[in-house]
Amino acid sequence: QVQVVESGGGLVQAGGSLRLSCAASGGTTSNYNMAWFRQAPGKEREFVAVISLSGRTDYADSVKGRFTISGDNAKSTVYLQMNSLKPEDTAVYYCAADRVSSSSSSLLYDYWGQGTQVTVSS
């Protein structure tokens, strides 16, 4: 069973920055596609960013130009640098990992972290 652990959430004022970290471990391989999703109260879980095994990245339109996803070459550790944060970025941020999928669909990821809270005050 693959373990996924996120960290780095917190409280920040609008316009500020946070850096989230995620590590995946415990599987038969250390190479994963890794993505960030977020879920605000009363809303569906939504895609934020993904980095594939090949290093390709993709972002939700709402975070393009503000967030940057990066990781090590094996894609077992991933980071989400969040700049110019807005109150609407407030959510629990989840890291997801998969050996096959690098999709924006949460349904296609097998392994999930427990989430880290990001709160942006106005």
C-alpha atoms as a PDB file:
ATOM      1  CA  GLN A   1       0.000   0.000   0.000  1.00  0.00           C
ATOM      2  CA  VAL A   2       1.307   3.432  -0.961  1.00  0.00           C
ATOM      3  CA  GLN A   3       1.427   6.094   1.713  1.00  0.00           C
ATOM      4  CA  VAL A   4       0.956   9.741   0.759  1.00  0.00           C
ATOM      5  CA  VAL A   5       1.669  12.525   3.241  1.00  0.00           C
ATOM      6  CA  GLU A   6       1.183  16.272   2.746  1.00  0.00           C
ATOM      7  CA  SER A   7       2.511  19.126   4.822  1.00  0.00           C
ATOM      8  CA  GLY A   8       2.969  22.881   4.708  1.00  0.00           C
ATOM      9  CA  GLY A   9      -0.546  24.221   5.055  1.00  0.00           C
ATOM     10  CA  GLY A  10      -1.390  27.134   7.261  1.00  0.00           C
ATOM     11  CA  LEU A  11      -2.973  30.541   7.605  1.00  0.00           C
ATOM     12  CA  VAL A  12      -1.829  33.347   5.342  1.00  0.00           C
ATOM     13  CA  GLN A  13      -3.115  36.757   4.332  1.00  0.00           C
ATOM     14  CA  ALA A  14      -4.274  37.455   0.803  1.00  0.00           C
ATOM     15  CA  GLY A  15      -1.303  38.067  -1.451  1.00  0.00           C
ATOM     16  CA  GLY A  16       0.948  35.854   0.605  1.00  0.00           C
ATOM     17  CA  SER A  17       2.643  32.572  -0.199  1.00  0.00           C
ATOM     18  CA  LEU A  18       2.777  29.005   1.039  1.00  0.00           C
ATOM     19  CA  ARG A  19       4.737  25.966  -0.067  1.00  0.00           C
ATOM     20  CA  LEU A  20       3.125  22.551   0.260  1.00  0.00           C
ATOM     21  CA  SER A  21       5.098  19.316   0.238  1.00  0.00           C
ATOM     22  CA  CYS A  22       4.019  15.770  -0.498  1.00  0.00           C
ATOM     23  CA  ALA A  23       5.823  12.445  -0.326  1.00  0.00           C
ATOM     24  CA  ALA A  24       4.663   9.084  -1.609  1.00  0.00           C
ATOM     25  CA  SER A  25       6.231   5.887  -0.340  1.00  0.00           C
ATOM     26  CA  GLY A  26       5.660   2.224   0.421  1.00  0.00           C
ATOM     27  CA  GLY A  27       4.789   0.900  -3.016  1.00  0.00           C
ATOM     28  CA  THR A  28       6.678  -1.421  -5.309  1.00  0.00           C
ATOM     29  CA  THR A  29       7.966   1.594  -7.220  1.00  0.00           C
ATOM     30  CA  SER A  30       9.065   5.050  -6.149  1.00  0.00           C
ATOM     31  CA  ASN A  31       7.926   6.652  -9.413  1.00  0.00           C
ATOM     32  CA  TYR A  32       4.495   8.261  -9.483  1.00  0.00           C
ATOM     33  CA  ASN A  33       2.453  10.818 -11.288  1.00  0.00           C
ATOM     34  CA  MET A  34       1.560  13.257  -8.542  1.00  0.00           C
ATOM     35  CA  ALA A  35      -1.183  15.830  -8.360  1.00  0.00           C
ATOM     36  CA  TRP A  36      -2.727  18.367  -6.047  1.00  0.00           C
ATOM     37  CA  PHE A  37      -6.461  18.692  -5.522  1.00  0.00           C
ATOM     38  CA  ARG A  38      -8.385  20.884  -3.133  1.00  0.00           C
ATOM     39  CA  GLN A  39     -11.784  20.846  -1.526  1.00  0.00           C
ATOM     40  CA  ALA A  40     -13.536  23.792   0.052  1.00  0.00           C
ATOM     41  CA  PRO A  41     -16.500  23.342   2.412  1.00  0.00           C
ATOM     42  CA  GLY A  42     -19.643  22.406   0.521  1.00  0.00           C
ATOM     43  CA  LYS A  43     -17.816  22.033  -2.768  1.00  0.00           C
ATOM     44  CA  GLU A  44     -16.560  19.160  -4.864  1.00  0.00           C
ATOM     45  CA  ARG A  45     -12.917  18.235  -4.838  1.00  0.00           C
ATOM     46  CA  GLU A  46     -11.235  20.080  -7.686  1.00  0.00           C
ATOM     47  CA  PHE A  47      -8.027  19.712  -9.617  1.00  0.00           C
ATOM     48  CA  VAL A  48      -5.208  22.149  -8.888  1.00  0.00           C
ATOM     49  CA  ALA A  49      -2.020  20.911 -10.546  1.00  0.00           C
ATOM     50  CA  VAL A  50      -0.247  17.764 -11.707  1.00  0.00           C
ATOM     51  CA  ILE A  51       3.266  16.699 -12.574  1.00  0.00           C
ATOM     52  CA  SER A  52       3.663  13.543 -14.617  1.00  0.00           C
ATOM     53  CA  LEU A  53       6.451  10.986 -14.555  1.00  0.00           C
ATOM     54  CA  SER A  54       7.841  12.688 -17.653  1.00  0.00           C
ATOM     55  CA  GLY A  55       7.888  16.045 -15.903  1.00  0.00           C
ATOM     56  CA  ARG A  56       4.978  17.596 -17.767  1.00  0.00           C
ATOM     57  CA  THR A  57       2.842  19.911 -15.684  1.00  0.00           C
ATOM     58  CA  ASP A  58      -0.718  21.120 -15.907  1.00  0.00           C
ATOM     59  CA  TYR A  59      -2.711  23.596 -13.861  1.00  0.00           C
ATOM     60  CA  ALA A  60      -6.263  24.589 -13.244  1.00  0.00           C
ATOM     61  CA  ASP A  61      -7.093  27.885 -14.904  1.00  0.00           C
ATOM     62  CA  SER A  62      -7.816  29.400 -11.511  1.00  0.00           C
ATOM     63  CA  VAL A  63      -4.212  28.957 -10.342  1.00  0.00           C
ATOM     64  CA  LYS A  64      -2.202  29.426 -13.535  1.00  0.00           C
ATOM     65  CA  GLY A  65       0.491  32.021 -13.092  1.00  0.00           C
ATOM     66  CA  ARG A  66       0.267  31.836  -9.312  1.00  0.00           C
ATOM     67  CA  PHE A  67       0.999  28.206  -8.390  1.00  0.00           C
ATOM     68  CA  THR A  68       3.957  26.077  -9.441  1.00  0.00           C
ATOM     69  CA  ILE A  69       4.199  22.319  -9.065  1.00  0.00           C
ATOM     70  CA  SER A  70       7.601  20.683  -8.967  1.00  0.00           C
ATOM     71  CA  GLY A  71       9.176  17.445  -7.833  1.00  0.00           C
ATOM     72  CA  ASP A  72      12.210  15.247  -7.784  1.00  0.00           C
ATOM     73  CA  ASN A  73      13.140  13.192 -10.826  1.00  0.00           C
ATOM     74  CA  ALA A  74      11.541  10.027  -9.449  1.00  0.00           C
ATOM     75  CA  LYS A  75       8.296  11.917  -8.756  1.00  0.00           C
ATOM     76  CA  SER A  76       8.009  10.491  -5.282  1.00  0.00           C
ATOM     77  CA  THR A  77       8.227  13.954  -3.729  1.00  0.00           C
ATOM     78  CA  VAL A  78       6.274  16.912  -5.015  1.00  0.00           C
ATOM     79  CA  TYR A  79       5.864  20.538  -4.018  1.00  0.00           C
ATOM     80  CA  LEU A  80       3.256  23.173  -4.657  1.00  0.00           C
ATOM     81  CA  GLN A  81       4.506  26.731  -4.440  1.00  0.00           C
ATOM     82  CA  MET A  82       1.485  28.965  -4.003  1.00  0.00           C
ATOM     83  CA  ASN A  83       1.957  32.683  -4.550  1.00  0.00           C
ATOM     84  CA  SER A  84      -0.462  35.596  -4.677  1.00  0.00           C
ATOM     85  CA  LEU A  85      -2.930  33.632  -2.606  1.00  0.00           C
ATOM     86  CA  LYS A  86      -6.571  34.636  -2.654  1.00  0.00           C
ATOM     87  CA  PRO A  87      -9.345  33.946  -0.148  1.00  0.00           C
ATOM     88  CA  GLU A  88     -10.950  31.658  -2.719  1.00  0.00           C
ATOM     89  CA  ASP A  89      -7.868  29.432  -2.484  1.00  0.00           C
ATOM     90  CA  THR A  90      -8.965  28.458   1.017  1.00  0.00           C
ATOM     91  CA  ALA A  91      -9.471  24.700   1.080  1.00  0.00           C
ATOM     92  CA  VAL A  92      -8.082  21.421   2.262  1.00  0.00           C
ATOM     93  CA  TYR A  93      -5.337  20.542  -0.193  1.00  0.00           C
ATOM     94  CA  TYR A  94      -4.836  16.880  -1.016  1.00  0.00           C
ATOM     95  CA  CYS A  95      -1.910  15.206  -2.669  1.00  0.00           C
ATOM     96  CA  ALA A  96      -2.666  12.276  -4.963  1.00  0.00           C
ATOM     97  CA  ALA A  97      -0.351   9.737  -6.564  1.00  0.00           C
ATOM     98  CA  ASP A  98      -0.771   7.165  -9.285  1.00  0.00           C
ATOM     99  CA  ARG A  99       1.506   4.901 -11.286  1.00  0.00           C
ATOM    100  CA  VAL A 100      -0.447   5.412 -14.515  1.00  0.00           C
ATOM    101  CA  SER A 101      -2.659   8.489 -14.491  1.00  0.00           C
ATOM    102  CA  SER A 102      -1.565  12.098 -14.748  1.00  0.00           C
ATOM    103  CA  SER A 103      -5.123  13.238 -15.322  1.00  0.00           C
ATOM    104  CA  SER A 104      -6.983  16.181 -13.880  1.00  0.00           C
ATOM    105  CA  SER A 105      -9.695  13.755 -12.751  1.00  0.00           C
ATOM    106  CA  SER A 106      -9.549  12.775  -9.094  1.00  0.00           C
ATOM    107  CA  LEU A 107     -11.253   9.489  -9.958  1.00  0.00           C
ATOM    108  CA  LEU A 108      -8.127   8.206 -11.685  1.00  0.00           C
ATOM    109  CA  TYR A 109      -5.741   8.435  -8.725  1.00  0.00           C
ATOM    110  CA  ASP A 110      -5.252   5.421  -6.495  1.00  0.00           C
ATOM    111  CA  TYR A 111      -3.439   6.936  -3.530  1.00  0.00           C
ATOM    112  CA  TRP A 112      -4.334   9.975  -1.452  1.00  0.00           C
ATOM    113  CA  GLY A 113      -2.959  11.889   1.461  1.00  0.00           C
ATOM    114  CA  GLN A 114      -5.045  13.031   4.400  1.00  0.00           C
ATOM    115  CA  GLY A 115      -4.967  16.683   3.361  1.00  0.00           C
ATOM    116  CA  THR A 116      -3.505  19.893   4.701  1.00  0.00           C
ATOM    117  CA  GLN A 117      -5.554  22.994   5.455  1.00  0.00           C
ATOM    118  CA  VAL A 118      -4.802  26.222   3.623  1.00  0.00           C
ATOM    119  CA  THR A 119      -6.644  29.289   4.862  1.00  0.00           C
ATOM    120  CA  VAL A 120      -6.277  32.654   3.145  1.00  0.00           C
ATOM    121  CA  SER A 121      -7.685  35.649   4.970  1.00  0.00           C
ATOM    122  CA  SER A 122      -8.975  38.722   3.159  1.00  0.00           C
END
